[in-house]
């Protein structure tokens, strides 16, 4: 039986920002979420019992790392302006 996981953050608009300078907070939140995805993908990868599952988990890990890198690149370009 699957446990029900509450998602209270879905009830609010994560992009609702008071000022344009809140982009820093948005990048922080994005990085936090990507970090959670990465950590769970790494757990899946470590616990995979077959090649197909291991390959899928590895793809998620790679994509999460690339997304974190892209977010950091975008943030640094935004801060340079």
Protein backbone atom coordinates (compact mmCIF):
# COMPACT_ATOMS: atom_id res chain seq x y z
CA UNK A 1 0.00 0.00 0.00
CA UNK A 2 1.37 3.38 -0.97
CA UNK A 3 1.50 6.00 1.72
CA UNK A 4 -0.12 9.30 1.00
CA UNK A 5 2.41 12.08 0.84
CA UNK A 6 0.98 15.54 1.48
CA UNK A 7 1.98 18.26 -0.95
CA UNK A 8 0.95 21.51 0.75
CA UNK A 9 3.30 23.49 -1.51
CA UNK A 10 1.05 22.67 -4.47
CA UNK A 11 -1.68 24.82 -2.94
CA UNK A 12 0.38 27.98 -3.34
CA UNK A 13 1.84 29.56 -6.43
CA UNK A 14 5.62 29.01 -6.19
CA UNK A 15 6.24 31.73 -8.77
CA UNK A 16 4.31 34.39 -6.89
CA UNK A 17 7.00 36.89 -6.00
CA UNK A 18 6.64 40.29 -4.39
CA UNK A 19 9.50 41.94 -6.26
CA UNK A 20 11.82 41.10 -9.16
CA UNK A 21 14.68 40.74 -6.66
CA UNK A 22 12.93 37.61 -5.37
CA UNK A 23 14.56 35.72 -8.24
CA UNK A 24 17.35 34.81 -5.83
CA UNK A 25 14.79 33.11 -3.59
CA UNK A 26 13.32 31.35 -6.61
CA UNK A 27 16.74 30.01 -7.61
CA UNK A 28 17.27 28.84 -4.03
CA UNK A 29 13.95 26.97 -4.02
CA UNK A 30 14.70 25.46 -7.43
CA UNK A 31 18.10 24.25 -6.24
CA UNK A 32 16.52 22.71 -3.14
CA UNK A 33 13.99 20.78 -5.23
CA UNK A 34 16.63 19.62 -7.69
CA UNK A 35 18.78 18.48 -4.77
CA UNK A 36 15.91 16.35 -3.46
CA UNK A 37 15.42 14.82 -6.91
CA UNK A 38 19.14 14.12 -7.18
CA UNK A 39 19.38 12.52 -3.74
CA UNK A 40 16.42 10.24 -4.38
CA UNK A 41 17.68 9.30 -7.84
CA UNK A 42 21.05 8.37 -6.34
CA UNK A 43 19.25 6.17 -3.79
CA UNK A 44 17.32 4.48 -6.59
CA UNK A 45 20.53 3.98 -8.54
CA UNK A 46 22.27 2.40 -5.54
CA UNK A 47 19.34 0.08 -4.82
CA UNK A 48 18.60 -0.93 -8.41
CA UNK A 49 18.42 -4.69 -8.79
CA UNK A 50 18.53 -4.89 -12.58
CA UNK A 51 20.29 -3.13 -15.43
CA UNK A 52 17.17 -1.41 -16.77
CA UNK A 53 16.34 0.17 -13.40
CA UNK A 54 19.95 1.16 -12.87
CA UNK A 55 20.08 2.78 -16.30
CA UNK A 56 16.87 4.75 -15.70
CA UNK A 57 18.08 5.95 -12.31
CA UNK A 58 21.42 6.93 -13.83
CA UNK A 59 19.62 9.00 -16.46
CA UNK A 60 17.69 10.82 -13.72
CA UNK A 61 20.93 11.48 -11.81
CA UNK A 62 22.60 12.86 -14.94
CA UNK A 63 19.60 15.03 -15.79
CA UNK A 64 19.35 16.40 -12.25
CA UNK A 65 23.06 17.28 -12.21
CA UNK A 66 22.69 19.01 -15.59
CA UNK A 67 19.61 20.91 -14.35
CA UNK A 68 21.48 22.07 -11.24
CA UNK A 69 24.37 23.22 -13.41
CA UNK A 70 22.01 25.05 -15.77
CA UNK A 71 20.25 26.78 -12.87
CA UNK A 72 23.60 27.89 -11.44
CA UNK A 73 24.67 29.18 -14.86
CA UNK A 74 21.42 31.12 -15.31
CA UNK A 75 21.71 32.55 -11.80
CA UNK A 76 25.30 33.70 -12.37
CA UNK A 77 24.30 35.35 -15.67
CA UNK A 78 21.38 37.07 -13.90
CA UNK A 79 23.65 38.31 -11.09
CA UNK A 80 26.16 39.71 -13.60
CA UNK A 81 23.55 42.13 -14.96
